[in-house]
PDB file of N, CA and C in Angstrom:
ATOM      1  N   THR A   1      -6.282 -11.428  -7.021  1.00  0.00           N
ATOM      2  CA  THR A   1      -4.876 -11.314  -7.918  1.00  0.00           C
ATOM      3  C   THR A   1      -3.556 -10.868  -7.364  1.00  0.00           C
ATOM      4  N   TYR A   2      -2.627 -11.516  -7.726  1.00  0.00           N
ATOM      5  CA  TYR A   2      -1.132 -11.128  -7.207  1.00  0.00           C
ATOM      6  C   TYR A   2      -0.525 -10.796  -7.995  1.00  0.00           C
ATOM      7  N   THR A   3       0.225 -10.001  -7.971  1.00  0.00           N
ATOM      8  CA  THR A   3       1.335  -9.306  -8.757  1.00  0.00           C
ATOM      9  C   THR A   3       2.461  -9.327  -8.168  1.00  0.00           C
ATOM     10  N   ILE A   4       3.488  -9.810  -9.111  1.00  0.00           N
ATOM     11  CA  ILE A   4       4.824  -9.900  -8.524  1.00  0.00           C
ATOM     12  C   ILE A   4       5.939  -9.701  -9.864  1.00  0.00           C
ATOM     13  N   ILE A   5       6.295  -8.863  -9.889  1.00  0.00           N
ATOM     14  CA  ILE A   5       7.316  -7.848 -11.123  1.00  0.00           C
ATOM     15  C   ILE A   5       8.832  -8.060 -10.581  1.00  0.00           C
ATOM     16  N   GLY A   6       9.507  -8.421 -11.450  1.00  0.00           N
ATOM     17  CA  GLY A   6      11.193  -8.570 -11.260  1.00  0.00           C
ATOM     18  C   GLY A   6      11.450  -7.588 -12.358  1.00  0.00           C
ATOM     19  N   MET A   7      12.420  -6.618 -11.898  1.00  0.00           N
ATOM     20  CA  MET A   7      12.625  -5.508 -13.131  1.00  0.00           C
ATOM     21  C   MET A   7      13.873  -5.040 -12.726  1.00  0.00           C
ATOM     22  N   ASP A   8      14.662  -4.560 -13.646  1.00  0.00           N
ATOM     23  CA  ASP A   8      15.642  -3.338 -14.040  1.00  0.00           C
ATOM     24  C   ASP A   8      15.019  -2.426 -14.091  1.00  0.00           C
ATOM     25  N   ALA A   9      15.315  -1.428 -12.631  1.00  0.00           N
ATOM     26  CA  ALA A   9      14.604  -0.159 -13.027  1.00  0.00           C
ATOM     27  C   ALA A   9      15.350   1.124 -13.856  1.00  0.00           C
ATOM     28  N   ASN A  10      16.730   0.272 -13.546  1.00  0.00           N
ATOM     29  CA  ASN A  10      17.739   1.816 -13.905  1.00  0.00           C
ATOM     30  C   ASN A  10      17.818   3.025 -13.600  1.00  0.00           C
ATOM     31  N   CYS A  11      17.843   2.910 -12.028  1.00  0.00           N
ATOM     32  CA  CYS A  11      17.370   4.153 -11.154  1.00  0.00           C
ATOM     33  C   CYS A  11      18.835   4.496 -10.749  1.00  0.00           C
ATOM     34  N   VAL A  12      19.312   5.287 -11.513  1.00  0.00           N
ATOM     35  CA  VAL A  12      20.701   5.326 -10.786  1.00  0.00           C
ATOM     36  C   VAL A  12      21.116   6.894  -9.985  1.00  0.00           C
ATOM     37  N   THR A  13      20.615   7.722 -10.157  1.00  0.00           N
ATOM     38  CA  THR A  13      20.261   9.077  -9.203  1.00  0.00           C
ATOM     39  C   THR A  13      19.293   9.002  -8.083  1.00  0.00           C
ATOM     40  N   ALA A  14      19.746   9.706  -7.072  1.00  0.00           N
ATOM     41  CA  ALA A  14      18.928   9.818  -6.189  1.00  0.00           C
ATOM     42  C   ALA A  14      16.988  10.116  -6.587  1.00  0.00           C
ATOM     43  N   ASP A  15      17.313  11.358  -7.512  1.00  0.00           N
ATOM     44  CA  ASP A  15      15.989  11.730  -7.944  1.00  0.00           C
ATOM     45  C   ASP A  15      14.961  10.493  -9.053  1.00  0.00           C
ATOM     46  N   ASP A  16      16.132  10.037  -9.794  1.00  0.00           N
ATOM     47  CA  ASP A  16      15.436   8.675 -10.137  1.00  0.00           C
ATOM     48  C   ASP A  16      14.604   7.922  -9.230  1.00  0.00           C
ATOM     49  N   LYS A  17      15.298   7.317  -8.163  1.00  0.00           N
ATOM     50  CA  LYS A  17      14.799   6.399  -7.134  1.00  0.00           C
ATOM     51  C   LYS A  17      13.634   6.796  -6.244  1.00  0.00           C
ATOM     52  N   THR A  18      13.830   8.269  -6.302  1.00  0.00           N
ATOM     53  CA  THR A  18      12.311   8.868  -4.996  1.00  0.00           C
ATOM     54  C   THR A  18      11.555   8.904  -6.529  1.00  0.00           C
ATOM     55  N   ALA A  19      11.689   8.829  -7.529  1.00  0.00           N
ATOM     56  CA  ALA A  19      10.585   8.861  -8.713  1.00  0.00           C
ATOM     57  C   ALA A  19       9.812   7.439  -8.391  1.00  0.00           C
ATOM     58  N   LEU A  20      10.378   6.842  -8.737  1.00  0.00           N
ATOM     59  CA  LEU A  20      10.615   4.956  -8.802  1.00  0.00           C
ATOM     60  C   LEU A  20       9.209   4.666  -7.505  1.00  0.00           C
ATOM     61  N   LEU A  21       9.657   5.380  -6.553  1.00  0.00           N
ATOM     62  CA  LEU A  21       9.089   4.872  -5.166  1.00  0.00           C
ATOM     63  C   LEU A  21       8.021   5.544  -5.073  1.00  0.00           C
ATOM     64  N   ASN A  22       7.744   7.123  -5.782  1.00  0.00           N
ATOM     65  CA  ASN A  22       6.526   7.580  -5.682  1.00  0.00           C
ATOM     66  C   ASN A  22       5.504   6.706  -6.798  1.00  0.00           C
ATOM     67  N   ALA A  23       6.170   6.293  -7.738  1.00  0.00           N
ATOM     68  CA  ALA A  23       5.341   6.126  -8.673  1.00  0.00           C
ATOM     69  C   ALA A  23       4.193   4.595  -8.547  1.00  0.00           C
ATOM     70  N   ALA A  24       5.373   4.113  -8.142  1.00  0.00           N
ATOM     71  CA  ALA A  24       5.127   2.681  -7.507  1.00  0.00           C
ATOM     72  C   ALA A  24       3.569   2.496  -6.571  1.00  0.00           C
ATOM     73  N   SER A  25       3.960   3.631  -5.394  1.00  0.00           N
ATOM     74  CA  SER A  25       3.095   3.867  -4.305  1.00  0.00           C
ATOM     75  C   SER A  25       1.827   4.627  -5.025  1.00  0.00           C
ATOM     76  N   THR A  26       1.947   5.490  -5.635  1.00  0.00           N
ATOM     77  CA  THR A  26       0.647   6.258  -6.552  1.00  0.00           C
ATOM     78  C   THR A  26      -0.215   5.259  -7.169  1.00  0.00           C
ATOM     79  N   TYR A  27       0.634   4.747  -8.074  1.00  0.00           N
ATOM     80  CA  TYR A  27      -0.014   3.987  -9.197  1.00  0.00           C
ATOM     81  C   TYR A  27      -0.501   2.246  -8.722  1.00  0.00           C
ATOM     82  N   GLY A  28      -1.084   2.393  -7.849  1.00  0.00           N
ATOM     83  CA  GLY A  28      -1.794   0.648  -7.207  1.00  0.00           C
ATOM     84  C   GLY A  28      -1.096   0.088  -6.286  1.00  0.00           C
ATOM     85  N   GLY A  29      -0.567   1.220  -5.356  1.00  0.00           N
ATOM     86  CA  GLY A  29      -0.132   0.785  -4.076  1.00  0.00           C
ATOM     87  C   GLY A  29       0.700  -0.286  -3.970  1.00  0.00           C
ATOM     88  N   TYR A  30       1.703  -0.549  -5.102  1.00  0.00           N
ATOM     89  CA  TYR A  30       2.801  -1.087  -5.104  1.00  0.00           C
ATOM     90  C   TYR A  30       4.371  -1.089  -4.493  1.00  0.00           C
ATOM     91  N   THR A  31       4.590  -1.970  -3.580  1.00  0.00           N
ATOM     92  CA  THR A  31       5.369  -2.182  -2.494  1.00  0.00           C
ATOM     93  C   THR A  31       6.814  -2.324  -3.515  1.00  0.00           C
ATOM     94  N   LEU A  32       8.274  -1.846  -2.982  1.00  0.00           N
ATOM     95  CA  LEU A  32       9.210  -2.123  -3.933  1.00  0.00           C
ATOM     96  C   LEU A  32      10.058  -2.908  -3.016  1.00  0.00           C
ATOM     97  N   SER A  33      10.980  -4.025  -3.062  1.00  0.00           N
ATOM     98  CA  SER A  33      12.026  -4.707  -2.138  1.00  0.00           C
ATOM     99  C   SER A  33      13.133  -3.516  -2.478  1.00  0.00           C
ATOM    100  N   ASN A  34      13.753  -3.384  -3.303  1.00  0.00           N
ATOM    101  CA  ASN A  34      14.881  -2.387  -3.630  1.00  0.00           C
ATOM    102  C   ASN A  34      15.002  -1.055  -3.200  1.00  0.00           C
ATOM    103  N   GLY A  35      14.775  -0.534  -2.232  1.00  0.00           N
ATOM    104  CA  GLY A  35      14.439   1.069  -2.071  1.00  0.00           C
ATOM    105  C   GLY A  35      13.367   1.170  -1.259  1.00  0.00           C
ATOM    106  N   GLY A  36      12.656  -0.088  -0.765  1.00  0.00           N
ATOM    107  CA  GLY A  36      10.999  -0.012   0.026  1.00  0.00           C
ATOM    108  C   GLY A  36      11.665   0.433   1.728  1.00  0.00           C
ATOM    109  N   GLU A  37      11.317  -0.311   2.637  1.00  0.00           N
ATOM    110  CA  GLU A  37      11.422  -0.257   3.841  1.00  0.00           C
ATOM    111  C   GLU A  37      12.942  -0.978   4.092  1.00  0.00           C
ATOM    112  N   LEU A  38      13.328  -1.878   3.220  1.00  0.00           N
ATOM    113  CA  LEU A  38      14.500  -2.282   3.466  1.00  0.00           C
ATOM    114  C   LEU A  38      15.770  -1.589   3.088  1.00  0.00           C
ATOM    115  N   GLY A  39      15.864  -0.107   2.790  1.00  0.00           N
ATOM    116  CA  GLY A  39      16.516   0.196   1.976  1.00  0.00           C
ATOM    117  C   GLY A  39      16.928   0.142   0.855  1.00  0.00           C
ATOM    118  N   TRP A  40      18.041   0.911   0.072  1.00  0.00           N
ATOM    119  CA  TRP A  40      18.569   0.625  -1.067  1.00  0.00           C
ATOM    120  C   TRP A  40      19.684  -0.499  -0.914  1.00  0.00           C
ATOM    121  N   VAL A  41      19.852  -1.515  -1.786  1.00  0.00           N
ATOM    122  CA  VAL A  41      20.808  -2.728  -1.967  1.00  0.00           C
ATOM    123  C   VAL A  41      21.396  -2.767  -2.949  1.00  0.00           C
ATOM    124  N   TYR A  42      22.835  -2.598  -3.071  1.00  0.00           N
ATOM    125  CA  TYR A  42      23.722  -2.450  -4.470  1.00  0.00           C
ATOM    126  C   TYR A  42      23.388  -3.852  -5.041  1.00  0.00           C
ATOM    127  N   SER A  43      22.509  -4.056  -5.903  1.00  0.00           N
ATOM    128  CA  SER A  43      22.222  -5.238  -6.781  1.00  0.00           C
ATOM    129  C   SER A  43      23.159  -5.365  -8.591  1.00  0.00           C
ATOM    130  N   CYS A  44      23.842  -4.385  -8.629  1.00  0.00           N
ATOM    131  CA  CYS A  44      24.165  -4.251 -10.267  1.00  0.00           C
ATOM    132  C   CYS A  44      25.634  -3.414 -10.158  1.00  0.00           C
ATOM    133  N   CYS A  45      26.816  -4.068 -11.071  1.00  0.00           N
ATOM    134  CA  CYS A  45      28.100  -3.348 -10.704  1.00  0.00           C
ATOM    135  C   CYS A  45      28.323  -3.100 -12.490  1.00  0.00           C
ATOM    136  N   ASP A  46      27.812  -2.194 -12.832  1.00  0.00           N
ATOM    137  CA  ASP A  46      28.122  -1.561 -14.192  1.00  0.00           C
ATOM    138  C   ASP A  46      29.192  -0.523 -14.178  1.00  0.00           C
ATOM    139  N   SER A  47      29.399   0.247 -15.655  1.00  0.00           N
ATOM    140  CA  SER A  47      30.302   0.843 -16.135  1.00  0.00           C
ATOM    141  C   SER A  47      30.941   1.720 -14.533  1.00  0.00           C
ATOM    142  N   TYR A  48      29.982   2.392 -14.246  1.00  0.00           N
ATOM    143  CA  TYR A  48      29.542   3.726 -13.432  1.00  0.00           C
ATOM    144  C   TYR A  48      30.104   3.478 -11.873  1.00  0.00           C
ATOM    145  N   GLY A  49      30.113   1.935 -11.598  1.00  0.00           N
ATOM    146  CA  GLY A  49      30.196   1.352 -10.338  1.00  0.00           C
ATOM    147  C   GLY A  49      29.046   0.663  -9.634  1.00  0.00           C
ATOM    148  N   LEU A  50      29.139   0.347  -8.563  1.00  0.00           N
ATOM    149  CA  LEU A  50      27.836  -0.347  -8.042  1.00  0.00           C
ATOM    150  C   LEU A  50      26.304   0.608  -8.147  1.00  0.00           C
ATOM    151  N   THR A  51      25.382   0.262  -8.337  1.00  0.00           N
ATOM    152  CA  THR A  51      24.239   0.767  -8.368  1.00  0.00           C
ATOM    153  C   THR A  51      23.080  -0.339  -7.759  1.00  0.00           C
ATOM    154  N   SER A  52      21.896   0.385  -7.595  1.00  0.00           N
ATOM    155  CA  SER A  52      21.005  -0.334  -6.935  1.00  0.00           C
ATOM    156  C   SER A  52      19.638  -0.116  -7.714  1.00  0.00           C
ATOM    157  N   ILE A  53      19.616  -0.992  -8.941  1.00  0.00           N
ATOM    158  CA  ILE A  53      18.457  -0.592  -9.927  1.00  0.00           C
ATOM    159  C   ILE A  53      17.730  -1.682  -9.973  1.00  0.00           C
ATOM    160  N   ASP A  54      18.068  -2.817  -9.278  1.00  0.00           N
ATOM    161  CA  ASP A  54      17.000  -4.029  -9.747  1.00  0.00           C
ATOM    162  C   ASP A  54      15.981  -4.082  -8.716  1.00  0.00           C
ATOM    163  N   GLU A  55      14.633  -4.455  -9.010  1.00  0.00           N
ATOM    164  CA  GLU A  55      13.631  -4.425  -8.064  1.00  0.00           C
ATOM    165  C   GLU A  55      12.955  -5.556  -7.881  1.00  0.00           C
ATOM    166  N   ILE A  56      11.853  -5.929  -6.877  1.00  0.00           N
ATOM    167  CA  ILE A  56      11.282  -7.209  -7.453  1.00  0.00           C
ATOM    168  C   ILE A  56      10.053  -5.996  -6.572  1.00  0.00           C
ATOM    169  N   MET A  57       8.915  -5.717  -7.310  1.00  0.00           N
ATOM    170  CA  MET A  57       7.477  -5.045  -7.259  1.00  0.00           C
ATOM    171  C   MET A  57       6.330  -5.793  -6.553  1.00  0.00           C
ATOM    172  N   VAL A  58       5.568  -5.650  -5.887  1.00  0.00           N
ATOM    173  CA  VAL A  58       4.380  -6.401  -5.307  1.00  0.00           C
ATOM    174  C   VAL A  58       3.334  -5.548  -5.153  1.00  0.00           C
ATOM    175  N   SER A  59       2.178  -6.579  -5.169  1.00  0.00           N
ATOM    176  CA  SER A  59       0.764  -5.971  -5.172  1.00  0.00           C
ATOM    177  C   SER A  59       0.481  -5.517  -3.923  1.00  0.00           C
ATOM    178  N   PRO A  60      -0.592  -4.834  -3.499  1.00  0.00           N
ATOM    179  CA  PRO A  60      -0.515  -4.352  -1.980  1.00  0.00           C
ATOM    180  C   PRO A  60      -1.060  -5.461  -0.980  1.00  0.00           C
ATOM    181  N   ASN A  61      -1.142  -6.740  -1.634  1.00  0.00           N
ATOM    182  CA  ASN A  61      -1.748  -8.019  -1.130  1.00  0.00           C
ATOM    183  C   ASN A  61      -0.496  -8.464  -0.867  1.00  0.00           C
ATOM    184  N   ILE A  62       0.453  -8.676  -0.771  1.00  0.00           N
ATOM    185  CA  ILE A  62       1.867  -9.247  -0.569  1.00  0.00           C
ATOM    186  C   ILE A  62       2.591  -8.348   0.094  1.00  0.00           C
ATOM    187  N   ILE A  63       3.433  -9.307   1.209  1.00  0.00           N
ATOM    188  CA  ILE A  63       4.132  -8.246   2.119  1.00  0.00           C
ATOM    189  C   ILE A  63       5.790  -9.004   1.975  1.00  0.00           C
ATOM    190  N   ILE A  64       6.391  -8.068   1.558  1.00  0.00           N
ATOM    191  CA  ILE A  64       8.150  -8.082   1.584  1.00  0.00           C
ATOM    192  C   ILE A  64       8.720  -8.600   2.888  1.00  0.00           C
ATOM    193  N   ASN A  65       8.825  -9.967   3.198  1.00  0.00           N
ATOM    194  CA  ASN A  65       9.631  -9.822   4.566  1.00  0.00           C
ATOM    195  C   ASN A  65      11.032  -9.606   4.301  1.00  0.00           C
ATOM    196  N   GLY A  66      11.592  -9.936   3.456  1.00  0.00           N
ATOM    197  CA  GLY A  66      12.612  -9.605   3.174  1.00  0.00           C
ATOM    198  C   GLY A  66      13.367  -9.771   1.859  1.00  0.00           C
ATOM    199  N   PHE A  67      14.858  -9.209   1.562  1.00  0.00           N
ATOM    200  CA  PHE A  67      15.029  -9.179   0.344  1.00  0.00           C
ATOM    201  C   PHE A  67      16.435  -9.151   0.305  1.00  0.00           C
ATOM    202  N   GLU A  68      17.162  -9.760  -0.596  1.00  0.00           N
ATOM    203  CA  GLU A  68      18.747 -10.329  -0.750  1.00  0.00           C
ATOM    204  C   GLU A  68      19.217  -9.873  -2.054  1.00  0.00           C
ATOM    205  N   VAL A  69      20.328  -9.880  -2.169  1.00  0.00           N
ATOM    206  CA  VAL A  69      20.974  -9.505  -3.324  1.00  0.00           C
ATOM    207  C   VAL A  69      22.167 -10.870  -3.005  1.00  0.00           C
ATOM    208  N   LEU A  70      22.178 -11.413  -4.553  1.00  0.00           N
ATOM    209  CA  LEU A  70      23.569 -12.575  -4.216  1.00  0.00           C
ATOM    210  C   LEU A  70      24.363 -12.036  -4.709  1.00  0.00           C
ATOM    211  N   GLY A  71      25.301 -11.019  -4.719  1.00  0.00           N
ATOM    212  CA  GLY A  71      26.456 -10.787  -4.813  1.00  0.00           C
ATOM    213  C   GLY A  71      27.595 -11.735  -5.102  1.00  0.00           C
ATOM    214  N   ASN A  72      27.786 -12.717  -4.088  1.00  0.00           N
ATOM    215  CA  ASN A  72      28.536 -13.838  -4.686  1.00  0.00           C
ATOM    216  C   ASN A  72      28.416 -14.420  -5.752  1.00  0.00           C
ATOM    217  N   TRP A  73      27.501 -14.275  -6.681  1.00  0.00           N
ATOM    218  CA  TRP A  73      27.490 -15.409  -7.676  1.00  0.00           C
ATOM    219  C   TRP A  73      27.813 -14.371  -8.809  1.00  0.00           C
ATOM    220  N   PHE A  74      28.595 -13.502  -8.610  1.00  0.00           N
ATOM    221  CA  PHE A  74      28.876 -12.734  -9.822  1.00  0.00           C
ATOM    222  C   PHE A  74      29.829 -13.023 -10.956  1.00  0.00           C
ATOM    223  N   ASN A  75      30.711 -13.742 -10.168  1.00  0.00           N
ATOM    224  CA  ASN A  75      31.834 -14.678 -11.190  1.00  0.00           C
ATOM    225  C   ASN A  75      31.501 -15.715 -11.975  1.00  0.00           C
ATOM    226  N   LEU A  76      30.011 -15.979 -11.458  1.00  0.00           N
ATOM    227  CA  LEU A  76      29.337 -16.994 -12.498  1.00  0.00           C
ATOM    228  C   LEU A  76      28.423 -16.921 -13.410  1.00  0.00           C
ATOM    229  N   LEU A  77      28.320 -14.972 -13.293  1.00  0.00           N
ATOM    230  CA  LEU A  77      27.100 -14.809 -14.637  1.00  0.00           C
ATOM    231  C   LEU A  77      27.906 -13.825 -15.550  1.00  0.00           C
ATOM    232  N   TYR A  78      27.092 -13.958 -16.627  1.00  0.00           N
ATOM    233  CA  TYR A  78      27.328 -13.305 -17.727  1.00  0.00           C
ATOM    234  C   TYR A  78      26.740 -12.094 -18.011  1.00  0.00           C
ATOM    235  N   SER A  79      26.389 -11.619 -16.984  1.00  0.00           N
ATOM    236  CA  SER A  79      25.590 -10.132 -16.757  1.00  0.00           C
ATOM    237  C   SER A  79      26.497  -9.533 -15.901  1.00  0.00           C
ATOM    238  N   ASP A  80      25.944  -8.032 -15.840  1.00  0.00           N
ATOM    239  CA  ASP A  80      26.436  -7.481 -14.612  1.00  0.00           C
ATOM    240  C   ASP A  80      25.178  -7.123 -13.620  1.00  0.00           C
ATOM    241  N   HIS A  81      24.609  -7.793 -13.547  1.00  0.00           N
ATOM    242  CA  HIS A  81      23.404  -7.939 -12.640  1.00  0.00           C
ATOM    243  C   HIS A  81      23.481  -9.032 -11.667  1.00  0.00           C
ATOM    244  N   TYR A  82      23.527  -8.847 -10.400  1.00  0.00           N
ATOM    245  CA  TYR A  82      23.155 -10.042  -9.208  1.00  0.00           C
ATOM    246  C   TYR A  82      21.933 -10.458  -9.425  1.00  0.00           C
ATOM    247  N   PRO A  83      21.870 -11.969  -8.847  1.00  0.00           N
ATOM    248  CA  PRO A  83      20.430 -12.585  -8.778  1.00  0.00           C
ATOM    249  C   PRO A  83      19.717 -11.503  -7.466  1.00  0.00           C
ATOM    250  N   VAL A  84      18.710 -11.398  -7.420  1.00  0.00           N
ATOM    251  CA  VAL A  84      17.821 -11.300  -6.244  1.00  0.00           C
ATOM    252  C   VAL A  84      16.907 -11.893  -5.803  1.00  0.00           C
ATOM    253  N   VAL A  85      16.730 -12.018  -4.647  1.00  0.00           N
ATOM    254  CA  VAL A  85      15.633 -13.063  -3.909  1.00  0.00           C
ATOM    255  C   VAL A  85      15.046 -12.405  -2.999  1.00  0.00           C
ATOM    256  N   ALA A  86      13.590 -12.460  -2.721  1.00  0.00           N
ATOM    257  CA  ALA A  86      12.474 -11.964  -1.858  1.00  0.00           C
ATOM    258  C   ALA A  86      11.571 -12.953  -1.294  1.00  0.00           C
ATOM    259  N   ASP A  87      11.907 -12.505  -0.084  1.00  0.00           N
ATOM    260  CA  ASP A  87      10.757 -13.618   0.758  1.00  0.00           C
ATOM    261  C   ASP A  87       9.442 -12.682   1.260  1.00  0.00           C
ATOM    262  N   LEU A  88       8.469 -13.497   0.636  1.00  0.00           N
ATOM    263  CA  LEU A  88       6.977 -12.949   0.306  1.00  0.00           C
ATOM    264  C   LEU A  88       6.185 -13.747   1.421  1.00  0.00           C
ATOM    265  N   THR A  89       4.905 -12.615   1.649  1.00  0.00           N
ATOM    266  CA  THR A  89       3.814 -13.217   2.228  1.00  0.00           C
ATOM    267  C   THR A  89       2.593 -13.209   1.243  1.00  0.00           C
ATOM    268  N   LEU A  90       2.098 -14.101   0.884  1.00  0.00           N
ATOM    269  CA  LEU A  90       0.712 -13.458   0.332  1.00  0.00           C
ATOM    270  C   LEU A  90      -0.388 -13.522   1.170  1.00  0.00           C
ATOM    271  N   LEU A  91      -1.313 -12.396   1.076  1.00  0.00           N
ATOM    272  CA  LEU A  91      -2.424 -12.425   2.146  1.00  0.00           C
ATOM    273  C   LEU A  91      -3.468 -12.637   2.046  1.00  0.00           C
TER     274      LEU A  91
END
């Protein structure tokens, strides 16, 4: 079974981000696209400024090869979140 979850994690502070990384790893060995091996990438522009709160989370049998935030789409959206795209390999 493969699991791919796209989510708005609302992790604004460094403590929030650490807690999310730890929880993903501890509960099922999930890997995060944003904040994982590729580091944190801004994915949202809200009233607090740019934040890294959008994630693609995958089960351990999926490899995240790359992660991109399509920030140049912002003017076309009705949201403060940019689209996020991940290049995945199913094992």
